[in-house]
C-alpha atoms as a PDB file:
ATOM      1  CA  MET A   1      16.904   1.545  12.452  1.00  0.00           C
ATOM      2  CA  THR A   2      17.840   4.869  10.759  1.00  0.00           C
ATOM      3  CA  ALA A   3      15.693   8.136   9.902  1.00  0.00           C
ATOM      4  CA  ASN A   4      15.806   7.479   6.827  1.00  0.00           C
ATOM      5  CA  GLU A   5      14.789   3.570   6.878  1.00  0.00           C
ATOM      6  CA  ALA A   6      11.273   5.687   9.607  1.00  0.00           C
ATOM      7  CA  VAL A   7      10.478   7.683   6.985  1.00  0.00           C
ATOM      8  CA  LEU A   8      10.267   5.663   4.435  1.00  0.00           C
ATOM      9  CA  GLU A   9       8.084   3.626   6.683  1.00  0.00           C
ATOM     10  CA  MET A  10       5.725   6.304   7.830  1.00  0.00           C
ATOM     11  CA  ARG A  11       5.400   7.131   4.252  1.00  0.00           C
ATOM     12  CA  TYR A  12       4.387   3.960   2.867  1.00  0.00           C
ATOM     13  CA  ASN A  13       2.041   3.389   5.574  1.00  0.00           C
ATOM     14  CA  GLY A  14       0.533   7.311   4.531  1.00  0.00           C
ATOM     15  CA  ILE A  15       1.797   9.469   7.219  1.00  0.00           C
ATOM     16  CA  PRO A  16       1.457  13.234   6.151  1.00  0.00           C
ATOM     17  CA  GLU A  17       5.358  14.753   5.775  1.00  0.00           C
ATOM     18  CA  GLU A  18       4.322  17.557   7.968  1.00  0.00           C
ATOM     19  CA  ASP A  19       4.087  14.941  10.925  1.00  0.00           C
ATOM     20  CA  ILE A  20       6.844  12.916   9.589  1.00  0.00           C
ATOM     21  CA  GLU A  21       8.957  15.691  10.185  1.00  0.00           C
ATOM     22  CA  ALA A  22       7.559  16.229  13.696  1.00  0.00           C
ATOM     23  CA  ILE A  23       7.718  12.555  14.857  1.00  0.00           C
ATOM     24  CA  LEU A  24      11.123  12.934  13.510  1.00  0.00           C
ATOM     25  CA  ASP A  25      12.239  15.747  15.668  1.00  0.00           C
ATOM     26  CA  ALA A  26      10.201  13.970  19.452  1.00  0.00           C
ATOM     27  CA  CYS A  27      12.222  11.174  19.016  1.00  0.00           C
ATOM     28  CA  LYS A  28      15.332  11.565  17.937  1.00  0.00           C
ATOM     29  CA  LYS A  29      15.354  12.868  21.429  1.00  0.00           C
ATOM     30  CA  LYS A  30      14.335   9.269  22.598  1.00  0.00           C
ATOM     31  CA  GLY A  31      15.448   8.029  20.052  1.00  0.00           C
ATOM     32  CA  ILE A  32      14.223   6.767  16.742  1.00  0.00           C
ATOM     33  CA  THR A  33      12.558   3.891  17.876  1.00  0.00           C
ATOM     34  CA  PRO A  34       9.415   2.182  16.833  1.00  0.00           C
ATOM     35  CA  GLN A  35       7.671   2.347  20.356  1.00  0.00           C
ATOM     36  CA  ASN A  36       8.934   5.488  19.937  1.00  0.00           C
ATOM     37  CA  ILE A  37       7.287   6.248  16.554  1.00  0.00           C
ATOM     38  CA  ASP A  38       4.266   4.653  17.588  1.00  0.00           C
ATOM     39  CA  GLN A  39       3.855   6.311  20.507  1.00  0.00           C
ATOM     40  CA  GLU A  40       4.350   9.122  18.724  1.00  0.00           C
ATOM     41  CA  LEU A  41       1.853   8.471  16.192  1.00  0.00           C
ATOM     42  CA  GLU A  42      -0.994   8.210  18.749  1.00  0.00           C
ATOM     43  CA  LYS A  43      -0.759  11.027  20.165  1.00  0.00           C
ATOM     44  CA  ARG A  44      -1.212  12.869  17.105  1.00  0.00           C
ATOM     45  CA  GLY A  45      -4.497  10.559  16.540  1.00  0.00           C
ATOM     46  CA  LEU A  46      -2.741   7.674  13.681  1.00  0.00           C
ATOM     47  CA  ASP A  47      -2.291   5.025  13.611  1.00  0.00           C
ATOM     48  CA  LYS A  48       0.808   2.799  14.273  1.00  0.00           C
ATOM     49  CA  VAL A  49       2.728   1.868  12.100  1.00  0.00           C
ATOM     50  CA  PHE A  50       5.066  -1.097  14.045  1.00  0.00           C
ATOM     51  CA  GLU A  51       1.822  -3.014  14.941  1.00  0.00           C
ATOM     52  CA  PHE A  52       2.615  -4.959  17.386  1.00  0.00           C
ATOM     53  CA  GLU A  53       3.290  -5.990  20.645  1.00  0.00           C
ATOM     54  CA  TYR A  54       6.648  -5.574  21.864  1.00  0.00           C
ATOM     55  CA  ASP A  55       7.319  -7.372  25.422  1.00  0.00           C
ATOM     56  CA  ALA A  56       5.943 -10.479  23.668  1.00  0.00           C
ATOM     57  CA  SER A  57       7.046 -10.580  19.678  1.00  0.00           C
ATOM     58  CA  GLU A  58      10.243 -11.770  22.115  1.00  0.00           C
ATOM     59  CA  SER A  59       8.461 -14.329  24.125  1.00  0.00           C
ATOM     60  CA  TRP A  60       5.905 -15.620  20.640  1.00  0.00           C
ATOM     61  CA  TYR A  61       9.084 -16.301  18.705  1.00  0.00           C
ATOM     62  CA  ASP A  62      10.808 -18.436  21.842  1.00  0.00           C
ATOM     63  CA  GLN A  63       8.291 -20.385  21.594  1.00  0.00           C
ATOM     64  CA  ASN A  64       6.846 -20.787  18.065  1.00  0.00           C
ATOM     65  CA  SER A  65      11.355 -21.010  17.936  1.00  0.00           C
ATOM     66  CA  ALA A  66      11.203 -25.250  19.087  1.00  0.00           C
ATOM     67  CA  ALA A  67       8.638 -25.484  16.218  1.00  0.00           C
ATOM     68  CA  SER A  68       8.812 -28.122  13.998  1.00  0.00           C
ATOM     69  CA  HIS A  69       9.330 -25.816  10.691  1.00  0.00           C
ATOM     70  CA  LYS A  70       8.843 -27.999   6.653  1.00  0.00           C
ATOM     71  CA  ALA A  71       9.132 -26.296   3.483  1.00  0.00           C
ATOM     72  CA  PRO A  72       5.682 -26.424   1.827  1.00  0.00           C
ATOM     73  CA  ALA A  73       6.354 -29.158  -0.630  1.00  0.00           C
ATOM     74  CA  LYS A  74       7.414 -28.528  -3.617  1.00  0.00           C
ATOM     75  CA  GLN A  75       4.671 -27.982  -6.620  1.00  0.00           C
ATOM     76  CA  GLY A  76       6.096 -27.612 -10.611  1.00  0.00           C
ATOM     77  CA  LEU A  77       3.528 -25.451 -13.429  1.00  0.00           C
ATOM     78  CA  GLU A  78       1.276 -27.056 -15.455  1.00  0.00           C
ATOM     79  CA  LYS A  79       3.003 -27.824 -18.565  1.00  0.00           C
ATOM     80  CA  ASP A  80       5.739 -29.646 -15.456  1.00  0.00           C
ATOM     81  CA  LYS A  81       3.170 -32.517 -14.515  1.00  0.00           C
ATOM     82  CA  LYS A  82       1.855 -33.842 -17.672  1.00  0.00           C
END
């Protein structure tokens, strides 16, 4: 994740600019990752921006990747159904 992507995501989620700057400074030392950003947000009493279980995300994907994923049936527009 780039610093620009992190800034855009935090701005989109309504994080104040002064907090964004402080979070980026702290994350530059540890690495700009979704986990580090969320930790810094929580330290400041703000909601997470990347709200998912990082450790569980891979196992969830592995478990569900074997399931069949069928594309939804195409349905035409009302005018095409005549």
